[in-house]
Amino acid sequence: MKIILCDQDGVLTDKTYSCNYSLDGLNELLVRNNAILIPNSDTPTYRLRNNFEQLTGVKIDTLISERGAIVTYKANEYLTINLPKNELENYKQAVHNLALDFNAKVYFGDSATWLKNNEVFDSNKNVIIFDTLRKTSLGYYARRTNSKVSFRNAYY
């Protein structure tokens, strides 16, 4: 069996998370060559699987996410790192408290998808969006929105 490791960012997709080439017949090609596609990325597990399956049409059973910290095989997730209990939650809470000190509006959710879909946020505000899909790392976007309330046009 052949194993093909493939990153998402800049390999399968461009900066806008679009795939600009045809992947028609990829599944048949993998079967014919006795190969499996294993996505690997800094991206959280759910988003990585979803993006790959939507773009390639291939059912993903195995993937490596969050910079190798999580290996998923079928329905089972295996952590390759040991995090002290509550360390990530404590850090997230500290950043959240700091954001509130700066009068920032704080959101929790699928941050990358919200930005990709050009989600609307409060205008002329400091905004922090925590990525709640991550399990072993902390991901967030911090920006100031403009009067058009578009995060895409916000500045850093």
N, C-alpha and C. Protein backbone atom coordinates (compact mmCIF):
# COMPACT_ATOMS: atom_id res chain seq x y z
N MET A 1 0.83 -1.18 0.00
CA MET A 1 0.00 0.00 0.00
C MET A 1 0.87 1.24 0.00
N LYS A 2 0.48 2.22 -0.78
CA LYS A 2 1.16 3.50 -0.84
C LYS A 2 0.41 4.50 0.03
N ILE A 3 1.16 5.33 0.72
CA ILE A 3 0.58 6.37 1.57
C ILE A 3 1.00 7.72 1.01
N ILE A 4 0.02 8.57 0.77
CA ILE A 4 0.28 9.91 0.26
C ILE A 4 -0.12 10.91 1.33
N LEU A 5 0.87 11.58 1.93
CA LEU A 5 0.61 12.64 2.90
C LEU A 5 0.46 13.94 2.14
N CYS A 6 -0.56 14.70 2.48
CA CYS A 6 -0.84 15.93 1.74
C CYS A 6 -1.31 17.02 2.69
N ASP A 7 -0.61 18.15 2.67
CA ASP A 7 -1.03 19.30 3.46
C ASP A 7 -2.19 19.99 2.74
N GLN A 8 -2.94 20.73 3.50
CA GLN A 8 -4.07 21.48 2.94
C GLN A 8 -3.62 22.85 2.44
N ASP A 9 -3.03 23.63 3.32
CA ASP A 9 -2.69 25.03 3.04
C ASP A 9 -1.55 25.14 2.03
N GLY A 10 -1.85 25.72 0.89
CA GLY A 10 -0.84 25.94 -0.13
C GLY A 10 -0.52 24.72 -0.98
N VAL A 11 -1.11 23.58 -0.67
CA VAL A 11 -0.89 22.37 -1.46
C VAL A 11 -2.22 21.98 -2.13
N LEU A 12 -3.18 21.57 -1.32
CA LEU A 12 -4.51 21.25 -1.86
C LEU A 12 -5.29 22.52 -2.17
N THR A 13 -5.09 23.54 -1.34
CA THR A 13 -5.84 24.78 -1.49
C THR A 13 -4.92 25.98 -1.60
N ASP A 14 -5.47 27.07 -2.12
CA ASP A 14 -4.72 28.33 -2.14
C ASP A 14 -5.07 29.14 -0.89
N LYS A 15 -4.69 30.41 -0.88
CA LYS A 15 -4.93 31.25 0.30
C LYS A 15 -6.40 31.42 0.63
N THR A 16 -7.26 31.27 -0.35
CA THR A 16 -8.70 31.44 -0.12
C THR A 16 -9.39 30.10 0.16
N TYR A 17 -8.60 29.06 0.37
CA TYR A 17 -9.10 27.70 0.61
C TYR A 17 -9.89 27.18 -0.58
N SER A 18 -9.50 27.61 -1.78
CA SER A 18 -10.10 27.10 -3.00
C SER A 18 -9.10 26.17 -3.68
N CYS A 19 -9.62 25.20 -4.38
CA CYS A 19 -8.80 24.28 -5.15
C CYS A 19 -8.98 24.67 -6.61
N ASN A 20 -7.90 25.07 -7.26
CA ASN A 20 -7.99 25.61 -8.61
C ASN A 20 -7.64 24.60 -9.70
N TYR A 21 -7.74 23.33 -9.40
CA TYR A 21 -7.47 22.30 -10.40
C TYR A 21 -8.44 21.15 -10.20
N SER A 22 -8.62 20.36 -11.22
CA SER A 22 -9.60 19.28 -11.18
C SER A 22 -9.06 18.07 -10.41
N LEU A 23 -9.89 17.55 -9.53
CA LEU A 23 -9.56 16.33 -8.80
C LEU A 23 -10.49 15.19 -9.21
N ASP A 24 -11.14 15.36 -10.36
CA ASP A 24 -12.03 14.31 -10.87
C ASP A 24 -11.24 13.02 -11.04
N GLY A 25 -11.80 11.94 -10.56
CA GLY A 25 -11.16 10.63 -10.72
C GLY A 25 -10.09 10.33 -9.68
N LEU A 26 -9.90 11.20 -8.70
CA LEU A 26 -8.87 10.96 -7.69
C LEU A 26 -9.13 9.68 -6.92
N ASN A 27 -10.37 9.47 -6.50
CA ASN A 27 -10.71 8.27 -5.72
C ASN A 27 -10.36 7.00 -6.51
N GLU A 28 -10.73 6.97 -7.79
CA GLU A 28 -10.44 5.81 -8.63
C GLU A 28 -8.93 5.63 -8.80
N LEU A 29 -8.21 6.73 -8.93
CA LEU A 29 -6.76 6.67 -9.07
C LEU A 29 -6.12 6.08 -7.82
N LEU A 30 -6.59 6.48 -6.66
CA LEU A 30 -6.06 5.94 -5.40
C LEU A 30 -6.32 4.43 -5.31
N VAL A 31 -7.54 4.01 -5.62
CA VAL A 31 -7.89 2.59 -5.56
C VAL A 31 -7.03 1.80 -6.54
N ARG A 32 -6.92 2.28 -7.77
CA ARG A 32 -6.17 1.59 -8.81
C ARG A 32 -4.69 1.42 -8.45
N ASN A 33 -4.15 2.37 -7.70
CA ASN A 33 -2.74 2.34 -7.32
C ASN A 33 -2.51 1.86 -5.90
N ASN A 34 -3.58 1.28 -5.29
CA ASN A 34 -3.47 0.78 -3.92
C ASN A 34 -2.84 1.82 -2.99
N ALA A 35 -3.43 3.02 -3.02
CA ALA A 35 -2.89 4.14 -2.25
C ALA A 35 -3.98 4.76 -1.38
N ILE A 36 -3.55 5.36 -0.30
CA ILE A 36 -4.47 6.12 0.54
C ILE A 36 -3.94 7.54 0.70
N LEU A 37 -4.87 8.47 0.79
CA LEU A 37 -4.54 9.88 0.98
C LEU A 37 -4.71 10.21 2.46
N ILE A 38 -3.65 10.73 3.06
CA ILE A 38 -3.70 11.11 4.48
C ILE A 38 -3.42 12.60 4.59
N PRO A 39 -4.45 13.39 4.88
CA PRO A 39 -4.23 14.81 5.09
C PRO A 39 -3.41 15.04 6.36
N ASN A 40 -2.49 15.99 6.30
CA ASN A 40 -1.75 16.39 7.49
C ASN A 40 -1.58 17.90 7.44
N SER A 41 -1.85 18.54 8.59
CA SER A 41 -1.86 20.00 8.60
C SER A 41 -1.88 20.53 10.03
N ASP A 42 -1.70 21.82 10.15
CA ASP A 42 -1.88 22.51 11.43
C ASP A 42 -3.38 22.66 11.73
N THR A 43 -4.20 22.43 10.75
CA THR A 43 -5.65 22.61 10.83
C THR A 43 -6.29 21.64 11.83
N PRO A 44 -7.34 22.06 12.55
CA PRO A 44 -8.05 21.14 13.45
C PRO A 44 -8.69 19.98 12.69
N THR A 45 -8.87 18.86 13.37
CA THR A 45 -9.34 17.61 12.77
C THR A 45 -10.63 17.77 11.98
N TYR A 46 -11.66 18.31 12.59
CA TYR A 46 -12.96 18.40 11.93
C TYR A 46 -12.86 19.20 10.63
N ARG A 47 -12.22 20.37 10.69
CA ARG A 47 -12.13 21.23 9.51
C ARG A 47 -11.27 20.57 8.43
N LEU A 48 -10.18 19.93 8.84
CA LEU A 48 -9.28 19.27 7.88
C LEU A 48 -10.01 18.15 7.13
N ARG A 49 -10.71 17.29 7.87
CA ARG A 49 -11.45 16.20 7.23
C ARG A 49 -12.52 16.76 6.30
N ASN A 50 -13.29 17.72 6.80
CA ASN A 50 -14.37 18.30 6.02
C ASN A 50 -13.84 18.94 4.73
N ASN A 51 -12.78 19.73 4.83
CA ASN A 51 -12.22 20.38 3.65
C ASN A 51 -11.73 19.36 2.62
N PHE A 52 -10.99 18.35 3.07
CA PHE A 52 -10.46 17.35 2.15
C PHE A 52 -11.58 16.56 1.48
N GLU A 53 -12.57 16.15 2.26
CA GLU A 53 -13.65 15.35 1.67
C GLU A 53 -14.45 16.18 0.67
N GLN A 54 -14.69 17.46 0.99
CA GLN A 54 -15.45 18.31 0.06
C GLN A 54 -14.66 18.57 -1.21
N LEU A 55 -13.37 18.83 -1.09
CA LEU A 55 -12.57 19.19 -2.26
C LEU A 55 -12.18 18.00 -3.13
N THR A 56 -11.93 16.85 -2.48
CA THR A 56 -11.43 15.70 -3.25
C THR A 56 -12.49 14.67 -3.58
N GLY A 57 -13.57 14.64 -2.80
CA GLY A 57 -14.57 13.60 -2.97
C GLY A 57 -14.12 12.26 -2.41
N VAL A 58 -13.01 12.24 -1.70
CA VAL A 58 -12.45 11.01 -1.11
C VAL A 58 -12.83 10.96 0.36
N LYS A 59 -13.34 9.81 0.81
CA LYS A 59 -13.65 9.63 2.23
C LYS A 59 -12.33 9.49 2.99
N ILE A 60 -12.15 10.32 3.99
CA ILE A 60 -10.90 10.34 4.75
C ILE A 60 -11.09 9.56 6.04
N ASP A 61 -10.33 8.46 6.20
CA ASP A 61 -10.38 7.65 7.42
C ASP A 61 -9.23 7.96 8.36
N THR A 62 -8.11 8.39 7.80
CA THR A 62 -6.91 8.65 8.59
C THR A 62 -6.43 10.05 8.30
N LEU A 63 -6.09 10.80 9.36
CA LEU A 63 -5.51 12.12 9.16
C LEU A 63 -4.65 12.52 10.35
N ILE A 64 -3.79 13.47 10.09
CA ILE A 64 -2.89 13.99 11.11
C ILE A 64 -3.15 15.49 11.20
N SER A 65 -3.58 15.94 12.37
CA SER A 65 -3.98 17.34 12.51
C SER A 65 -3.23 18.04 13.63
N GLU A 66 -3.41 19.35 13.69
CA GLU A 66 -2.80 20.21 14.70
C GLU A 66 -1.31 19.96 14.85
N ARG A 67 -0.62 20.00 13.69
CA ARG A 67 0.85 19.85 13.63
C ARG A 67 1.31 18.51 14.20
N GLY A 68 0.55 17.48 13.95
CA GLY A 68 0.94 16.14 14.39
C GLY A 68 0.52 15.80 15.81
N ALA A 69 -0.15 16.70 16.49
CA ALA A 69 -0.56 16.45 17.87
C ALA A 69 -1.72 15.46 17.95
N ILE A 70 -2.50 15.35 16.86
CA ILE A 70 -3.63 14.43 16.85
C ILE A 70 -3.55 13.56 15.60
N VAL A 71 -3.60 12.26 15.82
CA VAL A 71 -3.69 11.30 14.72
C VAL A 71 -5.06 10.65 14.84
N THR A 72 -5.82 10.70 13.76
CA THR A 72 -7.16 10.13 13.74
C THR A 72 -7.18 8.95 12.79
N TYR A 73 -7.66 7.82 13.29
CA TYR A 73 -7.83 6.64 12.46
C TYR A 73 -9.26 6.16 12.64
N LYS A 74 -10.03 6.22 11.55
CA LYS A 74 -11.46 5.93 11.56
C LYS A 74 -12.12 6.85 12.58
N ALA A 75 -12.74 6.36 13.61
CA ALA A 75 -13.44 7.24 14.57
C ALA A 75 -12.60 7.50 15.82
N ASN A 76 -11.38 7.00 15.86
CA ASN A 76 -10.56 7.13 17.06
C ASN A 76 -9.51 8.22 16.92
N GLU A 77 -9.40 9.06 17.94
CA GLU A 77 -8.37 10.09 17.97
C GLU A 77 -7.30 9.71 18.98
N TYR A 78 -6.05 9.90 18.58
CA TYR A 78 -4.92 9.60 19.45
C TYR A 78 -4.08 10.86 19.59
N LEU A 79 -3.86 11.29 20.83
CA LEU A 79 -3.02 12.45 21.09
C LEU A 79 -1.57 12.00 21.13
N THR A 80 -0.70 12.72 20.44
CA THR A 80 0.72 12.38 20.44
C THR A 80 1.50 13.24 21.42
N ILE A 81 0.81 14.13 22.12
CA ILE A 81 1.44 14.98 23.12
C ILE A 81 0.67 14.85 24.42
N ASN A 82 1.32 15.19 25.50
CA ASN A 82 0.66 15.20 26.81
C ASN A 82 0.53 16.64 27.28
N LEU A 83 -0.69 17.09 27.40
CA LEU A 83 -0.94 18.43 27.92
C LEU A 83 -1.33 18.32 29.39
N PRO A 84 -0.70 19.13 30.24
CA PRO A 84 -1.15 19.14 31.63
C PRO A 84 -2.63 19.51 31.69
N LYS A 85 -3.33 18.91 32.61
CA LYS A 85 -4.78 19.12 32.74
C LYS A 85 -5.10 20.61 32.82
N ASN A 86 -6.04 21.04 32.03
CA ASN A 86 -6.56 22.41 32.00
C ASN A 86 -5.58 23.47 31.48
N GLU A 87 -4.39 23.08 31.02
CA GLU A 87 -3.42 24.08 30.57
C GLU A 87 -3.97 24.92 29.42
N LEU A 88 -4.54 24.27 28.43
CA LEU A 88 -5.07 24.99 27.28
C LEU A 88 -6.24 25.88 27.68
N GLU A 89 -7.14 25.37 28.51
CA GLU A 89 -8.28 26.17 28.96
C GLU A 89 -7.83 27.36 29.80
N ASN A 90 -6.82 27.16 30.65
CA ASN A 90 -6.31 28.26 31.47
C ASN A 90 -5.69 29.35 30.60
N TYR A 91 -4.94 28.94 29.56
CA TYR A 91 -4.33 29.90 28.67
C TYR A 91 -5.40 30.66 27.88
N LYS A 92 -6.39 29.92 27.40
CA LYS A 92 -7.50 30.55 26.66
C LYS A 92 -8.21 31.57 27.55
N GLN A 93 -8.44 31.22 28.80
CA GLN A 93 -9.10 32.14 29.73
C GLN A 93 -8.25 33.38 29.98
N ALA A 94 -6.93 33.21 30.08
CA ALA A 94 -6.04 34.36 30.29
C ALA A 94 -6.08 35.31 29.09
N VAL A 95 -6.06 34.76 27.87
CA VAL A 95 -6.14 35.60 26.66
C VAL A 95 -7.52 36.28 26.60
N HIS A 96 -8.56 35.55 26.96
CA HIS A 96 -9.92 36.10 26.98
C HIS A 96 -10.00 37.28 27.95
N ASN A 97 -9.45 37.11 29.16
CA ASN A 97 -9.46 38.19 30.15
C ASN A 97 -8.67 39.40 29.66
N LEU A 98 -7.53 39.15 29.01
CA LEU A 98 -6.72 40.24 28.46
C LEU A 98 -7.51 40.99 27.38
N ALA A 99 -8.21 40.26 26.55
CA ALA A 99 -9.03 40.87 25.50
C ALA A 99 -10.10 41.78 26.11
N LEU A 100 -10.72 41.31 27.15
CA LEU A 100 -11.76 42.11 27.81
C LEU A 100 -11.16 43.38 28.41
N ASP A 101 -9.91 43.28 28.92
CA ASP A 101 -9.22 44.47 29.45
C ASP A 101 -9.03 45.53 28.37
N PHE A 102 -8.92 45.10 27.12
CA PHE A 102 -8.75 46.03 26.00
C PHE A 102 -10.07 46.32 25.30
N ASN A 103 -11.16 46.03 25.98
CA ASN A 103 -12.50 46.30 25.46
C ASN A 103 -12.75 45.62 24.12
N ALA A 104 -12.25 44.43 23.97
CA ALA A 104 -12.45 43.68 22.73
C ALA A 104 -13.71 42.82 22.82
N LYS A 105 -14.35 42.66 21.70
CA LYS A 105 -15.49 41.76 21.59
C LYS A 105 -14.91 40.37 21.33
N VAL A 106 -15.32 39.38 22.12
CA VAL A 106 -14.75 38.03 22.02
C VAL A 106 -15.81 37.07 21.48
N TYR A 107 -15.42 36.29 20.47
CA TYR A 107 -16.29 35.28 19.88
C TYR A 107 -15.62 33.92 19.99
N PHE A 108 -16.41 32.88 20.11
CA PHE A 108 -15.91 31.51 20.15
C PHE A 108 -16.60 30.71 19.05
N GLY A 109 -15.83 29.98 18.25
CA GLY A 109 -16.43 29.17 17.19
C GLY A 109 -15.42 28.72 16.16
N ASP A 110 -15.90 28.42 14.98
CA ASP A 110 -15.07 27.94 13.88
C ASP A 110 -14.50 29.16 13.15
N SER A 111 -13.46 29.73 13.71
CA SER A 111 -12.95 31.02 13.26
C SER A 111 -12.56 31.05 11.79
N ALA A 112 -11.84 30.07 11.32
CA ALA A 112 -11.38 30.09 9.92
C ALA A 112 -12.55 30.03 8.95
N THR A 113 -13.55 29.24 9.26
CA THR A 113 -14.72 29.16 8.38
C THR A 113 -15.49 30.47 8.40
N TRP A 114 -15.62 31.08 9.57
CA TRP A 114 -16.30 32.37 9.65
C TRP A 114 -15.60 33.40 8.76
N LEU A 115 -14.27 33.42 8.84
CA LEU A 115 -13.52 34.39 8.03
C LEU A 115 -13.65 34.08 6.55
N LYS A 116 -13.56 32.81 6.21
CA LYS A 116 -13.68 32.39 4.81
C LYS A 116 -15.05 32.77 4.25
N ASN A 117 -16.08 32.66 5.06
CA ASN A 117 -17.44 32.98 4.63
C ASN A 117 -17.78 34.46 4.80
N ASN A 118 -16.76 35.24 5.21
CA ASN A 118 -16.93 36.68 5.38
C ASN A 118 -18.04 37.03 6.37
N GLU A 119 -18.02 36.33 7.49
CA GLU A 119 -19.00 36.56 8.57
C GLU A 119 -18.96 38.03 9.01
N VAL A 120 -20.09 38.55 9.42
CA VAL A 120 -20.20 39.95 9.83
C VAL A 120 -20.03 40.06 11.34
N PHE A 121 -19.24 41.04 11.76
CA PHE A 121 -18.99 41.28 13.18
C PHE A 121 -19.28 42.75 13.48
N ASP A 122 -19.18 43.11 14.76
CA ASP A 122 -19.43 44.49 15.16
C ASP A 122 -18.47 45.44 14.44
N SER A 123 -18.98 46.60 14.02
CA SER A 123 -18.14 47.56 13.31
C SER A 123 -17.28 48.36 14.28
N ASN A 124 -16.10 48.73 13.79
CA ASN A 124 -15.15 49.57 14.53
C ASN A 124 -14.89 49.06 15.94
N LYS A 125 -14.66 47.77 16.04
CA LYS A 125 -14.40 47.13 17.34
C LYS A 125 -13.12 46.32 17.28
N ASN A 126 -12.48 46.19 18.42
CA ASN A 126 -11.42 45.19 18.56
C ASN A 126 -12.12 43.85 18.70
N VAL A 127 -11.72 42.89 17.90
CA VAL A 127 -12.40 41.59 17.87
C VAL A 127 -11.37 40.48 18.03
N ILE A 128 -11.70 39.50 18.88
CA ILE A 128 -10.89 38.28 19.00
C ILE A 128 -11.84 37.11 18.80
N ILE A 129 -11.44 36.21 17.89
CA ILE A 129 -12.25 35.02 17.62
C ILE A 129 -11.40 33.79 17.96
N PHE A 130 -11.84 33.05 18.97
CA PHE A 130 -11.17 31.82 19.37
C PHE A 130 -11.68 30.66 18.52
N ASP A 131 -10.77 29.83 18.07
CA ASP A 131 -11.13 28.64 17.29
C ASP A 131 -11.42 27.50 18.25
N THR A 132 -12.69 27.16 18.41
CA THR A 132 -13.08 26.12 19.37
C THR A 132 -12.95 24.70 18.81
N LEU A 133 -12.53 24.57 17.54
CA LEU A 133 -12.32 23.23 16.98
C LEU A 133 -10.99 22.64 17.42
N ARG A 134 -10.08 23.46 17.87
CA ARG A 134 -8.75 22.98 18.27
C ARG A 134 -8.81 22.28 19.62
N LYS A 135 -8.04 21.19 19.73
CA LYS A 135 -8.04 20.40 20.96
C LYS A 135 -6.70 20.42 21.68
N THR A 136 -5.61 20.66 20.94
CA THR A 136 -4.28 20.63 21.55
C THR A 136 -3.51 21.91 21.33
N SER A 137 -4.12 22.88 20.72
CA SER A 137 -3.45 24.14 20.46
C SER A 137 -4.47 25.27 20.56
N LEU A 138 -3.96 26.46 20.68
CA LEU A 138 -4.83 27.62 20.79
C LEU A 138 -4.75 28.40 19.49
N GLY A 139 -5.88 28.64 18.88
CA GLY A 139 -5.92 29.42 17.66
C GLY A 139 -6.92 30.55 17.82
N TYR A 140 -6.52 31.75 17.43
CA TYR A 140 -7.44 32.87 17.48
C TYR A 140 -7.00 33.94 16.50
N TYR A 141 -7.93 34.75 16.08
CA TYR A 141 -7.68 35.91 15.24
C TYR A 141 -7.97 37.13 16.07
N ALA A 142 -7.09 38.11 16.01
CA ALA A 142 -7.30 39.38 16.71
C ALA A 142 -7.17 40.50 15.69
N ARG A 143 -8.22 41.28 15.56
CA ARG A 143 -8.24 42.36 14.57
C ARG A 143 -9.12 43.50 15.07
N ARG A 144 -9.06 44.58 14.35
CA ARG A 144 -10.01 45.68 14.56
C ARG A 144 -10.83 45.76 13.29
N THR A 145 -12.13 45.66 13.43
CA THR A 145 -13.01 45.71 12.26
C THR A 145 -13.14 47.15 11.78
N ASN A 146 -13.53 47.28 10.54
CA ASN A 146 -13.77 48.62 9.99
C ASN A 146 -15.26 48.93 10.01
N SER A 147 -15.64 50.02 9.43
CA SER A 147 -17.04 50.43 9.47
C SER A 147 -17.93 49.52 8.63
N LYS A 148 -17.34 48.76 7.71
CA LYS A 148 -18.12 47.83 6.88
C LYS A 148 -18.36 46.51 7.60
N VAL A 149 -17.87 46.36 8.80
CA VAL A 149 -17.98 45.19 9.67
C VAL A 149 -17.44 43.91 9.05
N SER A 150 -16.70 44.01 8.00
CA SER A 150 -16.11 42.83 7.38
C SER A 150 -14.77 42.54 8.03
N PHE A 151 -14.60 41.34 8.51
CA PHE A 151 -13.34 40.93 9.11
C PHE A 151 -12.27 40.80 8.04
N ARG A 152 -12.68 40.44 6.83
CA ARG A 152 -11.74 40.25 5.73
C ARG A 152 -10.99 41.55 5.42
N ASN A 153 -11.67 42.68 5.57
CA ASN A 153 -11.06 43.97 5.28
C ASN A 153 -10.51 44.65 6.54
N ALA A 154 -10.58 43.94 7.65
CA ALA A 154 -10.09 44.52 8.90
C ALA A 154 -8.57 44.64 8.86
N TYR A 155 -8.04 45.46 9.72
CA TYR A 155 -6.59 45.58 9.78
C TYR A 155 -6.07 44.98 11.07
N TYR A 156 -4.80 44.65 11.06
CA TYR A 156 -4.14 43.98 12.20
C TYR A 156 -3.66 45.00 13.20
